[in-house]
Amino acid sequence: MAVSSFQCPSIFSSSSISGFQCRSDPDLVGSPVGGSSRRRVNAAAGISASFTGDGGLSSRILRFPPNFVRQLSIKARRNCSNIGVAQIVAAKWSNNPSSGLPSAAAAAAASSSASAVSSAASAAAASSAAAAPVAAVPPVVLDEEVLVAEEGLVREKIGSVQLTDSKHSFLSSDGSLTVHAGERLGRGIVTDAITTPVVNTSAYFFKKTAELLDFKEKRSVSFEYGRYGNPTTVVLEEKISALEGAESTLVMASGMCASTVMLLALVPAGGHIVTTTDCYRKTRIFMENFLPKMGITVTVIDPADIAGLEAAVNEFKVALFFTESPTNPFLRCVDIELVSEICHKRGTLVCIDGTFATPMNQKALALGADLVVHSATKYIGGHNDVLGGCICGPIELVSEIRNLHHVLGGTLNPNAAYLLIRGMKTMHLRVQQQNSTAFRMAEILEAHPKVSHVYYPGLPSHPEHELAKRQMSGFGGVVSFEIDGDIERTIKFVDSLKIPYIAPSFGGCESIVDQPAIMSYWDLTQEERMKYGIKDNLVRFSFGVEDFEDVKADVLQALEAI
């Protein structure tokens, strides 16, 4: 709303806006320059006022308390039509900081091109133009607090998409990358907030049809629809890419979504894939029950069966070798460098599900894999509070998967993207603690008389221990082991634990324990479960970030209870 003079109580009541004050501006007390009125424009609220210099109410200006703009509700900000002017001006200023604050003419041009000025503001501008020549309009004064594009709504040509190829060369460790990659430099969302804002929108607007045509004909870059991209999600993708050393990353609504869309996009109808015996059951179900409907056949080999892999790629035109490393739940490891060499000779792609390893412990792309899949729900999120999945690799392959993803959906919600960004910033600290606790507990469990077998790649007894030492920098936070007893004795051990939750999933701050025979395979008979090596006494323990001594004491007392 634009007025020529005002009284604070008539515009904003103290009950409606907490912390709002009406204070004198020392710069405006006294005679105006040249005897003419001076005008101050508050770009956040769209309010302009005429000052006569009489020292009374007309010499008072609107002063917003710190962070006032951020405290406005989303609805209030949307109803404040002139906020578009501030966002356009802020974007132009941030893209060309050397030019200083924009002039009133520049601000007016920006607001005109954005079509963001309210009808009331337009009327006020017309009235002002009639009263004085355009050249006489003084500079616009913009408070620093309003130079914020709150929700990434500004998209001037390069808009909210981070186009610069930021390699973060000043960051030398994974720990620093998890904190700053995708955010510290070149973040597309124009804001001075440390944390990445959540852009909650389902669609993005174009100011003119000409701008839409520029976008469609790839003369400019922008967002269009929520299923095709989101500024918050882009930050997450760039952060994961930096950590994995990938050209591109695509995030989706879950790890299973990432795996299934990847398989559908890269394996042609009538094609052939190779996978391993030990893997997440739902992935196996998709490959064994759904892919055959498309004429896709599957060869299943042991993770260490290199001869079996060579035979398969020589006999069939294998489109993809897909496996986990380490695998679920027996933590078998695949020689990524060797299988990549074998597959690439025959034109076969290699995709590694690195969820158990995490990007902190293993760099599958650097070892030769074409793609890496993660259930971001686990270690990347790390707080047992969000679902997500991602695919990392070269732009050509990821773009092919992205195209199908845009058709199928499975889009990650921007709020979930924010939680994953937040979780990644402590991932290196969490994983270090989980690696340490799991390794020490694996040694303790292996030496305990009530434990018959321990599966952990950090132990010399593990069949791929030397391989794990060669291609992993840490062995992960999950330990699988078998209790010396039947299902009832194993249930008693699990129920005697006080720290871990009995739940599916793994990789979070809280320790989690489950019996795979019950949690994941209970719908099968005991004989059917044994086909997959799932014994009734098998326990999968995901260690969280609790103190090691507390976890150790809890596990030992539970073993003593059986």
Protein backbone atom coordinates (compact mmCIF):
# COMPACT_ATOMS: atom_id res chain seq x y z
CA MET A 1 0.00 0.00 0.00
CA ALA A 2 1.37 3.41 -0.93
CA VAL A 3 0.44 6.53 1.04
CA SER A 4 1.68 10.11 1.11
CA SER A 5 1.79 10.29 4.88
CA PHE A 6 0.90 7.89 7.63
CA GLN A 7 0.62 7.19 11.30
CA CYS A 8 2.09 3.96 12.53
CA PRO A 9 -0.85 2.74 14.62
CA SER A 10 -3.22 3.02 11.66
CA ILE A 11 -1.10 0.75 9.49
CA PHE A 12 0.30 -1.92 11.76
CA SER A 13 -0.93 -2.68 15.24
CA SER A 14 1.43 -4.04 17.86
CA SER A 15 -0.75 -7.09 18.15
CA SER A 16 -0.43 -7.93 14.48
CA ILE A 17 3.33 -7.57 14.10
CA SER A 18 5.49 -8.24 17.11
CA GLY A 19 8.55 -6.07 17.41
CA PHE A 20 7.52 -3.45 14.85
CA GLN A 21 8.58 0.09 15.77
CA CYS A 22 8.06 3.53 14.32
CA ARG A 23 11.20 5.61 14.81
CA SER A 24 12.55 8.91 13.61
CA ASP A 25 15.12 8.85 10.86
CA PRO A 26 17.89 11.33 11.72
CA ASP A 27 18.64 11.73 8.03
CA LEU A 28 15.16 13.02 7.41
CA VAL A 29 14.79 15.46 10.31
CA GLY A 30 15.19 19.07 9.20
CA SER A 31 14.77 20.81 5.91
CA PRO A 32 14.69 18.65 2.80
CA VAL A 33 17.24 19.20 0.09
CA GLY A 34 16.09 21.92 -2.29
CA GLY A 35 12.89 22.33 -0.33
CA SER A 36 11.29 19.33 -2.03
CA SER A 37 9.82 16.24 -0.46
CA ARG A 38 11.99 13.16 -0.04
CA ARG A 39 10.70 9.67 -0.59
CA ARG A 40 11.89 6.46 1.05
CA VAL A 41 10.74 3.16 -0.42
CA ASN A 42 10.58 0.04 1.69
CA ALA A 43 10.78 -2.72 -0.88
CA ALA A 44 9.69 -5.43 1.52
CA ALA A 45 6.34 -3.96 2.38
CA GLY A 46 5.74 -1.93 -0.75
CA ILE A 47 5.21 1.27 1.27
CA SER A 48 6.42 4.70 0.27
CA ALA A 49 6.00 7.87 2.29
CA SER A 50 6.46 11.57 1.70
CA PHE A 51 8.55 13.45 4.22
CA THR A 52 8.22 17.19 4.73
CA GLY A 53 10.89 17.50 7.37
CA ASP A 54 8.60 18.90 10.04
CA GLY A 55 9.91 16.45 12.62
CA GLY A 56 6.44 15.12 13.34
CA LEU A 57 4.77 11.92 12.23
CA SER A 58 5.61 12.71 8.63
CA SER A 59 9.33 12.47 9.45
CA ARG A 60 8.96 9.00 10.88
CA ILE A 61 9.69 5.91 8.81
CA LEU A 62 8.91 2.22 8.99
CA ARG A 63 11.72 0.30 10.66
CA PHE A 64 11.55 -3.47 10.55
CA PRO A 65 13.24 -5.42 13.36
CA PRO A 66 16.06 -7.85 12.43
CA ASN A 67 14.92 -10.88 10.45
CA PHE A 68 11.44 -9.41 10.09
CA VAL A 69 11.11 -10.53 6.48
CA ARG A 70 12.08 -14.08 7.41
CA GLN A 71 9.52 -14.09 10.21
CA LEU A 72 6.64 -13.35 7.86
CA SER A 73 4.52 -16.36 7.12
CA ILE A 74 4.59 -17.78 3.61
CA LYS A 75 1.01 -16.68 3.11
CA ALA A 76 1.75 -13.14 4.26
CA ARG A 77 4.74 -12.91 1.95
CA ARG A 78 2.67 -14.08 -1.00
CA ASN A 79 0.02 -11.48 -0.22
CA CYS A 80 2.68 -8.76 -0.14
CA SER A 81 2.77 -8.18 -3.89
CA ASN A 82 5.67 -5.75 -3.94
CA ILE A 83 8.04 -8.37 -2.49
CA GLY A 84 8.63 -9.35 -6.13
CA VAL A 85 10.32 -5.99 -6.68
CA ALA A 86 12.75 -6.59 -3.83
CA GLN A 87 13.53 -10.08 -5.12
CA ILE A 88 14.23 -8.90 -8.67
CA VAL A 89 16.41 -6.04 -7.46
CA ALA A 90 18.23 -8.34 -5.03
CA ALA A 91 18.98 -10.82 -7.81
CA LYS A 92 20.34 -8.12 -10.12
CA TRP A 93 22.43 -6.63 -7.34
CA SER A 94 23.84 -10.00 -6.24
CA ASN A 95 24.75 -10.87 -9.83
CA ASN A 96 26.60 -7.57 -10.25
CA PRO A 97 27.72 -6.48 -6.77
CA SER A 98 30.29 -4.03 -8.14
CA SER A 99 27.54 -1.79 -9.41
CA GLY A 100 26.35 -1.02 -5.89
CA LEU A 101 22.71 -0.47 -4.97
CA PRO A 102 20.41 -0.08 -7.96
CA SER A 103 18.81 3.22 -8.78
CA ALA A 104 15.13 3.94 -8.65
CA ALA A 105 14.99 3.70 -12.43
CA ALA A 106 16.61 0.26 -12.34
CA ALA A 107 14.24 -0.87 -9.61
CA ALA A 108 11.29 0.43 -11.58
CA ALA A 109 12.47 -1.37 -14.72
CA ALA A 110 12.94 -4.59 -12.78
CA SER A 111 9.51 -4.33 -11.19
CA SER A 112 7.94 -3.57 -14.56
CA SER A 113 9.56 -6.56 -16.28
CA ALA A 114 8.61 -8.83 -13.40
CA SER A 115 4.97 -7.69 -13.44
CA ALA A 116 5.14 -7.91 -9.67
CA VAL A 117 3.90 -4.48 -8.61
CA SER A 118 0.48 -4.36 -7.02
CA SER A 119 -2.29 -2.24 -8.47
CA ALA A 120 -2.07 0.13 -5.52
CA ALA A 121 1.66 0.59 -6.02
CA SER A 122 1.11 1.14 -9.75
CA ALA A 123 -1.46 3.84 -9.05
CA ALA A 124 0.91 5.52 -6.62
CA ALA A 125 3.71 5.41 -9.20
CA ALA A 126 1.45 6.99 -11.82
CA SER A 127 0.46 9.72 -9.38
CA SER A 128 4.09 10.38 -8.53
CA ALA A 129 5.01 10.56 -12.22
CA ALA A 130 2.33 13.15 -12.83
CA ALA A 131 3.57 15.31 -9.98
CA ALA A 132 7.27 15.37 -10.90
CA PRO A 133 9.53 14.49 -13.85
CA VAL A 134 11.01 10.99 -13.87
CA ALA A 135 14.54 12.37 -13.78
CA ALA A 136 13.81 14.03 -10.45
CA VAL A 137 13.07 10.76 -8.68
CA PRO A 138 15.72 10.27 -5.97
CA PRO A 139 17.60 7.01 -5.38
CA VAL A 140 15.70 4.16 -3.78
CA VAL A 141 16.90 3.32 -0.28
CA LEU A 142 16.80 -0.40 0.35
CA ASP A 143 17.25 -1.88 3.80
CA GLU A 144 19.72 -4.76 3.85
CA GLU A 145 17.11 -6.96 5.46
CA VAL A 146 14.89 -6.89 2.38
CA LEU A 147 17.63 -7.86 -0.09
CA VAL A 148 16.59 -11.46 0.24
CA ALA A 149 14.97 -13.68 -2.37
CA GLU A 150 13.22 -15.76 0.23
CA GLU A 151 12.00 -18.73 -1.78
CA GLY A 152 14.14 -18.81 -4.88
CA LEU A 153 11.43 -17.07 -6.88
CA VAL A 154 13.91 -14.96 -8.86
CA ARG A 155 15.09 -16.63 -12.03
CA GLU A 156 16.84 -14.00 -14.13
CA LYS A 157 18.25 -16.11 -17.00
CA ILE A 158 20.53 -18.32 -14.88
CA GLY A 159 17.99 -18.04 -12.06
CA SER A 160 18.15 -20.48 -9.17
CA VAL A 161 20.13 -23.14 -11.01
CA GLN A 162 23.76 -23.39 -10.03
CA LEU A 163 25.48 -23.29 -13.40
CA THR A 164 29.06 -22.74 -12.33
CA ASP A 165 31.22 -25.84 -12.23
CA SER A 166 32.21 -25.49 -8.60
CA LYS A 167 34.92 -28.03 -7.76
CA HIS A 168 35.42 -26.75 -4.22
CA SER A 169 39.17 -26.94 -4.72
CA PHE A 170 39.71 -25.26 -1.36
CA LEU A 171 38.16 -28.27 0.42
CA SER A 172 40.49 -31.24 0.77
CA SER A 173 38.46 -33.64 2.90
CA ASP A 174 35.12 -35.43 2.75
CA GLY A 175 34.23 -33.94 6.11
CA SER A 176 34.46 -30.40 4.72
CA LEU A 177 32.58 -31.38 1.56
CA THR A 178 29.64 -32.75 3.55
CA VAL A 179 29.31 -29.37 5.26
CA HIS A 180 29.97 -26.90 2.43
CA ALA A 181 29.62 -28.58 -0.98
CA GLY A 182 26.74 -27.15 -2.98
CA GLU A 183 26.18 -24.36 -0.48
CA ARG A 184 29.29 -22.34 0.43
CA LEU A 185 29.86 -20.91 -3.04
CA GLY A 186 27.50 -20.39 -5.95
CA ARG A 187 24.27 -21.53 -4.33
CA GLY A 188 21.51 -20.53 -6.72
CA ILE A 189 18.98 -19.51 -4.07
CA VAL A 190 19.62 -15.82 -3.38
CA THR A 191 19.71 -15.46 0.41
CA ASP A 192 22.11 -14.60 3.17
CA ALA A 193 20.92 -17.53 5.30
CA ILE A 194 23.57 -20.07 6.26
CA THR A 195 21.18 -22.97 5.89
CA THR A 196 19.59 -23.73 2.54
CA PRO A 197 15.96 -22.51 2.38
CA VAL A 198 13.15 -24.92 1.60
CA VAL A 199 11.42 -23.87 -1.62
CA ASN A 200 7.88 -25.20 -1.27
CA THR A 201 6.28 -24.80 -4.66
CA SER A 202 4.74 -27.14 -7.18
CA ALA A 203 5.30 -24.91 -10.20
CA TYR A 204 7.36 -21.92 -11.37
CA PHE A 205 6.12 -18.93 -13.34
CA PHE A 206 7.44 -17.18 -16.43
CA LYS A 207 7.09 -13.41 -16.66
CA LYS A 208 6.36 -13.38 -20.40
CA THR A 209 5.77 -15.94 -23.12
CA ALA A 210 9.09 -14.90 -24.67
CA GLU A 211 10.83 -16.04 -21.49
CA LEU A 212 9.01 -19.39 -21.67
CA LEU A 213 10.11 -19.81 -25.28
CA ASP A 214 13.71 -19.02 -24.34
CA PHE A 215 13.49 -21.76 -21.72
CA LYS A 216 11.87 -24.28 -24.06
CA GLU A 217 14.44 -23.61 -26.78
CA LYS A 218 17.29 -23.85 -24.23
CA ARG A 219 18.45 -20.25 -24.52
CA SER A 220 17.94 -19.86 -20.78
CA VAL A 221 17.85 -22.13 -17.76
CA SER A 222 15.05 -22.16 -15.22
CA PHE A 223 12.73 -24.39 -13.27
CA GLU A 224 9.33 -25.27 -14.68
CA TYR A 225 7.45 -27.85 -12.61
CA GLY A 226 8.09 -29.44 -9.25
CA ARG A 227 8.51 -32.94 -10.64
CA TYR A 228 11.34 -31.73 -12.87
CA GLY A 229 13.41 -29.96 -10.26
CA ASN A 230 13.56 -27.75 -7.19
CA PRO A 231 16.19 -25.28 -5.93
CA THR A 232 16.50 -27.03 -2.56
CA THR A 233 16.85 -30.40 -4.27
CA VAL A 234 19.55 -29.05 -6.60
CA VAL A 235 21.68 -28.12 -3.58
CA LEU A 236 21.37 -31.69 -2.25
CA GLU A 237 22.31 -33.17 -5.63
CA GLU A 238 25.39 -30.98 -5.91
CA LYS A 239 26.47 -31.85 -2.36
CA ILE A 240 26.23 -35.60 -3.06
CA SER A 241 28.01 -35.20 -6.42
CA ALA A 242 30.91 -33.42 -4.74
CA LEU A 243 31.23 -36.18 -2.15
CA GLU A 244 31.03 -39.04 -4.66
CA GLY A 245 33.19 -37.30 -7.28
CA ALA A 246 30.30 -37.57 -9.75
CA GLU A 247 29.43 -35.37 -12.70
CA SER A 248 25.76 -35.54 -11.85
CA THR A 249 23.39 -36.80 -9.17
CA LEU A 250 19.66 -37.45 -9.29
CA VAL A 251 17.70 -37.67 -6.04
CA MET A 252 14.38 -39.47 -5.71
CA ALA A 253 11.77 -40.28 -3.12
CA SER A 254 13.46 -43.47 -1.85
CA GLY A 255 16.35 -45.83 -2.43
CA MET A 256 14.05 -48.39 -4.04
CA CYS A 257 12.73 -45.72 -6.39
CA ALA A 258 16.30 -44.91 -7.42
CA SER A 259 17.14 -48.58 -8.06
CA THR A 260 13.99 -49.45 -10.00
CA VAL A 261 14.00 -46.32 -12.21
CA MET A 262 17.69 -46.89 -12.95
CA LEU A 263 17.03 -50.48 -14.02
CA LEU A 264 14.05 -49.52 -16.17
CA ALA A 265 15.96 -46.70 -17.85
CA LEU A 266 19.18 -48.57 -18.66
CA VAL A 267 18.09 -52.16 -19.35
CA PRO A 268 16.22 -52.56 -22.65
CA ALA A 269 13.23 -54.84 -23.09
CA GLY A 270 14.52 -58.34 -23.66
CA GLY A 271 17.85 -57.43 -22.08
CA HIS A 272 19.93 -59.27 -19.50
CA ILE A 273 21.34 -58.26 -16.12
CA VAL A 274 23.68 -59.90 -13.62
CA THR A 275 23.29 -59.52 -9.87
CA THR A 276 24.52 -61.23 -6.70
CA THR A 277 22.93 -63.71 -4.34
CA ASP A 278 23.14 -61.52 -1.26
CA CYS A 279 21.15 -58.31 -1.69
CA TYR A 280 18.22 -56.33 -0.35
CA ARG A 281 15.16 -58.51 -0.71
CA LYS A 282 12.90 -55.90 -2.34
CA THR A 283 15.52 -55.30 -5.04
CA ARG A 284 15.64 -59.03 -5.71
CA ILE A 285 11.83 -59.20 -5.87
CA PHE A 286 11.78 -56.44 -8.50
CA MET A 287 14.42 -58.17 -10.60
CA GLU A 288 12.95 -61.65 -10.31
CA ASN A 289 9.21 -60.85 -10.47
CA PHE A 290 8.77 -57.63 -12.44
CA LEU A 291 11.63 -57.36 -14.92
CA PRO A 292 10.75 -60.72 -16.55
CA LYS A 293 7.44 -59.12 -17.61
CA MET A 294 9.56 -56.96 -19.92
CA GLY A 295 11.45 -59.98 -21.19
CA ILE A 296 14.50 -59.10 -19.07
CA THR A 297 16.40 -62.12 -17.75
CA VAL A 298 18.65 -62.25 -14.71
CA THR A 299 21.80 -64.20 -13.85
CA VAL A 300 22.54 -64.46 -10.12
CA ILE A 301 26.10 -65.14 -8.96
CA ASP A 302 28.02 -65.19 -5.69
CA PRO A 303 29.65 -61.79 -4.96
CA ALA A 304 33.09 -63.38 -5.30
CA ASP A 305 32.27 -65.45 -8.41
CA ILE A 306 34.41 -63.66 -10.98
CA ALA A 307 34.35 -66.67 -13.29
CA GLY A 308 30.55 -66.66 -13.20
CA LEU A 309 30.50 -62.99 -14.15
CA GLU A 310 32.86 -63.55 -17.07
CA ALA A 311 30.75 -66.46 -18.29
CA ALA A 312 27.57 -64.39 -18.13
CA VAL A 313 28.93 -61.38 -20.05
CA ASN A 314 30.41 -63.71 -22.66
CA GLU A 315 27.21 -65.73 -23.11
CA PHE A 316 24.63 -62.92 -22.97
CA LYS A 317 24.49 -59.34 -24.09
CA VAL A 318 24.49 -58.08 -20.52
CA ALA A 319 23.24 -54.52 -20.18
CA LEU A 320 24.03 -54.08 -16.51
CA PHE A 321 25.83 -55.67 -13.58
CA PHE A 322 24.07 -54.49 -10.42
CA THR A 323 25.18 -55.36 -6.92
CA GLU A 324 25.64 -54.03 -3.43
CA SER A 325 29.03 -53.70 -1.81
CA PRO A 326 28.96 -54.42 1.06
CA THR A 327 25.82 -56.53 0.61
CA ASN A 328 22.74 -56.87 2.78
CA PRO A 329 22.77 -58.55 5.28
CA PHE A 330 26.03 -60.55 5.11
CA LEU A 331 28.25 -57.59 4.18
CA ARG A 332 29.98 -59.37 1.30
CA CYS A 333 32.25 -57.16 -0.80
CA VAL A 334 32.64 -57.07 -4.58
CA ASP A 335 35.95 -56.24 -6.24
CA ILE A 336 34.63 -53.10 -7.94
CA GLU A 337 37.79 -52.42 -9.94
CA LEU A 338 37.98 -55.98 -11.30
CA VAL A 339 34.29 -56.40 -12.17
CA SER A 340 34.30 -52.98 -13.87
CA GLU A 341 37.23 -54.03 -16.04
CA ILE A 342 35.51 -57.29 -17.00
CA CYS A 343 32.16 -55.66 -17.74
CA HIS A 344 33.50 -52.71 -19.69
CA LYS A 345 35.28 -54.99 -22.14
CA ARG A 346 31.85 -56.27 -23.17
CA GLY A 347 30.04 -52.93 -23.03
CA THR A 348 28.28 -53.80 -19.77
CA LEU A 349 27.50 -51.04 -17.30
CA VAL A 350 28.35 -51.45 -13.61
CA CYS A 351 26.12 -50.04 -10.87
CA ILE A 352 27.07 -50.37 -7.20
CA ASP A 353 24.62 -49.90 -4.38
CA GLY A 354 26.92 -48.28 -1.83
CA THR A 355 24.36 -47.70 0.93
CA PHE A 356 26.18 -49.85 3.51
CA ALA A 357 29.55 -48.38 2.61
CA THR A 358 28.48 -44.71 2.47
CA PRO A 359 30.40 -42.21 0.33
CA MET A 360 32.66 -41.68 3.34
CA ASN A 361 34.00 -45.25 3.32
CA GLN A 362 34.05 -46.11 -0.39
CA LYS A 363 34.33 -44.26 -3.70
CA ALA A 364 32.87 -46.71 -6.20
CA LEU A 365 33.07 -44.33 -9.16
CA ALA A 366 36.79 -43.82 -8.59
CA LEU A 367 37.18 -47.61 -8.55
CA GLY A 368 35.63 -47.90 -12.02
CA ALA A 369 31.88 -48.23 -11.49
CA ASP A 370 29.62 -46.35 -13.89
CA LEU A 371 26.91 -45.55 -11.36
CA VAL A 372 26.42 -45.52 -7.60
CA VAL A 373 23.04 -45.88 -5.92
CA HIS A 374 22.31 -44.96 -2.30
CA SER A 375 19.33 -45.24 -0.06
CA ALA A 376 19.78 -41.74 1.36
CA THR A 377 17.35 -42.78 4.09
CA LYS A 378 20.24 -44.51 5.84
CA TYR A 379 23.63 -42.88 6.49
CA ILE A 380 23.19 -39.83 4.26
CA GLY A 381 20.09 -38.68 6.17
CA GLY A 382 21.38 -40.30 9.33
CA HIS A 383 18.56 -39.39 11.71
CA ASN A 384 15.88 -42.01 10.99
CA ASP A 385 13.49 -39.23 9.95
CA VAL A 386 13.45 -39.00 6.16
CA LEU A 387 13.16 -41.19 3.04
CA GLY A 388 15.25 -40.57 -0.05
CA GLY A 389 17.45 -42.17 -2.69
CA CYS A 390 20.04 -41.02 -5.19
CA ILE A 391 21.93 -42.07 -8.32
CA CYS A 392 25.39 -40.67 -9.05
CA GLY A 393 27.45 -40.91 -12.23
CA PRO A 394 28.27 -39.29 -15.56
CA ILE A 395 25.86 -36.69 -16.92
CA GLU A 396 24.97 -38.79 -19.96
CA LEU A 397 23.75 -41.78 -17.94
CA VAL A 398 22.13 -39.80 -15.14
CA SER A 399 20.28 -37.65 -17.68
CA GLU A 400 18.87 -40.77 -19.32
CA ILE A 401 17.59 -41.93 -15.92
CA ARG A 402 16.33 -38.44 -15.12
CA ASN A 403 14.20 -38.36 -18.28
CA LEU A 404 12.36 -41.52 -17.23
CA HIS A 405 12.10 -40.25 -13.66
CA HIS A 406 10.28 -37.16 -14.94
CA VAL A 407 7.69 -39.49 -16.47
CA LEU A 408 7.34 -41.94 -13.58
CA GLY A 409 7.42 -39.43 -10.73
CA GLY A 410 8.80 -40.50 -7.38
CA THR A 411 9.92 -36.92 -6.74
CA LEU A 412 11.74 -36.04 -3.54
CA ASN A 413 9.85 -33.48 -1.49
CA PRO A 414 11.88 -30.28 -0.90
CA ASN A 415 11.36 -30.63 2.85
CA ALA A 416 12.95 -34.08 2.65
CA ALA A 417 15.80 -32.58 0.61
CA TYR A 418 16.38 -30.07 3.40
CA LEU A 419 16.55 -32.86 6.00
CA LEU A 420 19.05 -34.76 3.88
CA ILE A 421 21.20 -31.64 3.43
CA ARG A 422 21.14 -31.13 7.18
CA GLY A 423 21.98 -34.77 7.84
CA MET A 424 24.94 -34.77 5.46
CA LYS A 425 26.66 -31.99 7.39
CA THR A 426 27.36 -34.37 10.27
CA MET A 427 27.76 -37.55 8.22
CA HIS A 428 31.56 -37.67 8.50
CA LEU A 429 31.31 -37.39 12.30
CA ARG A 430 28.55 -39.97 12.58
CA VAL A 431 30.22 -42.47 10.27
CA GLN A 432 33.53 -42.20 12.11
CA GLN A 433 31.80 -43.05 15.39
CA GLN A 434 29.75 -45.83 13.81
CA ASN A 435 32.79 -47.34 12.09
CA SER A 436 34.68 -47.38 15.37
CA THR A 437 31.87 -48.82 17.47
CA ALA A 438 30.97 -51.50 14.91
CA PHE A 439 34.58 -52.64 14.48
CA ARG A 440 35.22 -52.91 18.23
CA MET A 441 31.90 -54.65 18.83
CA ALA A 442 32.54 -57.11 15.98
CA GLU A 443 35.78 -58.16 17.68
CA ILE A 444 33.98 -58.56 21.02
CA LEU A 445 31.12 -60.54 19.49
CA GLU A 446 33.45 -62.85 17.58
CA ALA A 447 35.22 -63.75 20.82
CA HIS A 448 32.00 -64.33 22.80
CA PRO A 449 31.02 -67.98 23.42
CA LYS A 450 27.30 -67.30 22.82
CA VAL A 451 27.91 -65.97 19.31
CA SER A 452 28.52 -68.62 16.65
CA HIS A 453 29.46 -66.41 13.68
CA VAL A 454 30.11 -62.73 12.90
CA TYR A 455 29.84 -61.08 9.48
CA TYR A 456 31.88 -57.88 9.26
CA PRO A 457 34.41 -56.92 6.54
CA GLY A 458 36.74 -55.42 9.12
CA LEU A 459 37.44 -58.84 10.65
CA PRO A 460 40.22 -61.06 9.24
CA SER A 461 37.72 -63.94 9.26
CA HIS A 462 35.57 -62.20 6.64
CA PRO A 463 36.02 -63.77 3.17
CA GLU A 464 36.64 -60.36 1.53
CA HIS A 465 38.61 -58.76 4.36
CA GLU A 466 41.69 -58.03 2.25
CA LEU A 467 39.54 -56.66 -0.55
CA ALA A 468 37.67 -54.44 1.90
CA LYS A 469 40.95 -53.12 3.26
CA ARG A 470 42.00 -52.25 -0.27
CA GLN A 471 38.88 -50.48 -1.50
CA MET A 472 37.31 -49.10 1.68
CA SER A 473 38.56 -46.50 4.13
CA GLY A 474 36.16 -47.72 6.82
CA PHE A 475 34.14 -50.90 7.27
CA GLY A 476 30.75 -49.42 8.15
CA GLY A 477 28.46 -49.33 11.13
CA VAL A 478 26.48 -52.56 10.64
CA VAL A 479 27.48 -55.95 12.08
CA SER A 480 25.54 -59.15 11.36
CA PHE A 481 26.02 -62.17 13.61
CA GLU A 482 24.43 -65.45 14.60
CA ILE A 483 23.51 -66.29 18.16
CA ASP A 484 24.49 -69.77 19.34
CA GLY A 485 20.94 -71.03 19.64
CA ASP A 486 17.50 -71.22 18.02
CA ILE A 487 14.99 -68.54 17.16
CA GLU A 488 13.60 -68.36 20.69
CA ARG A 489 17.01 -67.79 22.22
CA THR A 490 17.76 -65.14 19.61
CA ILE A 491 14.46 -63.39 20.36
CA LYS A 492 15.35 -63.36 24.05
CA PHE A 493 18.71 -61.72 23.24
CA VAL A 494 17.08 -59.04 21.10
CA ASP A 495 14.37 -58.35 23.67
CA SER A 496 16.97 -58.06 26.44
CA LEU A 497 18.73 -55.16 24.70
CA LYS A 498 17.91 -51.75 26.15
CA ILE A 499 19.63 -49.26 23.79
CA PRO A 500 18.76 -50.29 20.21
CA TYR A 501 15.28 -50.10 18.76
CA ILE A 502 13.78 -53.18 17.18
CA ALA A 503 13.11 -51.75 13.73
CA PRO A 504 13.97 -52.01 10.03
CA SER A 505 16.52 -49.69 8.41
CA PHE A 506 20.00 -48.75 9.59
CA GLY A 507 22.55 -45.94 9.53
CA GLY A 508 20.83 -43.50 11.89
CA CYS A 509 22.01 -41.86 15.09
CA GLU A 510 20.03 -44.39 17.11
CA SER A 511 21.15 -48.01 17.21
CA ILE A 512 18.73 -50.44 15.55
CA VAL A 513 18.55 -54.23 15.79
CA ASP A 514 16.45 -56.82 13.99
CA GLN A 515 16.23 -60.49 13.12
CA PRO A 516 16.06 -60.68 9.30
CA ALA A 517 14.17 -63.99 9.48
CA ILE A 518 11.33 -62.12 11.21
CA MET A 519 11.69 -58.53 10.01
CA SER A 520 12.23 -59.21 6.29
CA TYR A 521 11.54 -62.89 5.53
CA TRP A 522 8.76 -63.98 7.89
CA ASP A 523 6.36 -64.52 4.98
CA LEU A 524 8.59 -67.36 3.78
CA THR A 525 8.95 -70.82 5.30
CA GLN A 526 12.10 -71.72 7.15
CA GLU A 527 13.23 -73.83 4.19
CA GLU A 528 12.63 -70.93 1.78
CA ARG A 529 14.54 -68.55 4.04
CA MET A 530 17.51 -70.90 4.08
CA LYS A 531 17.77 -70.63 0.28
CA TYR A 532 18.97 -67.09 0.93
CA GLY A 533 21.13 -68.07 3.90
CA ILE A 534 18.77 -66.41 6.37
CA LYS A 535 18.94 -68.45 9.55
CA ASP A 536 16.53 -67.96 12.44
CA ASN A 537 19.41 -66.99 14.74
CA LEU A 538 20.76 -64.22 12.47
CA VAL A 539 20.89 -60.71 13.96
CA ARG A 540 21.62 -57.48 12.09
CA PHE A 541 22.85 -54.72 14.41
CA SER A 542 23.18 -51.13 13.15
CA PHE A 543 25.28 -49.18 15.61
CA GLY A 544 24.37 -45.56 16.18
CA VAL A 545 26.36 -42.74 17.71
CA GLU A 546 25.84 -43.69 21.35
CA ASP A 547 28.84 -43.99 23.64
CA PHE A 548 30.78 -47.17 22.94
CA GLU A 549 30.98 -48.26 26.58
CA ASP A 550 27.21 -47.97 26.98
CA VAL A 551 26.58 -50.05 23.85
CA LYS A 552 29.16 -52.63 24.87
CA ALA A 553 27.64 -53.02 28.34
CA ASP A 554 24.15 -53.37 26.87
CA VAL A 555 25.14 -56.06 24.36
CA LEU A 556 27.08 -58.04 26.96
CA GLN A 557 24.22 -57.97 29.50
CA ALA A 558 21.81 -59.15 26.79
CA LEU A 559 24.12 -62.05 25.94
CA GLU A 560 24.35 -62.94 29.62
CA ALA A 561 20.56 -63.02 29.77
CA ILE A 562 20.28 -65.93 27.33
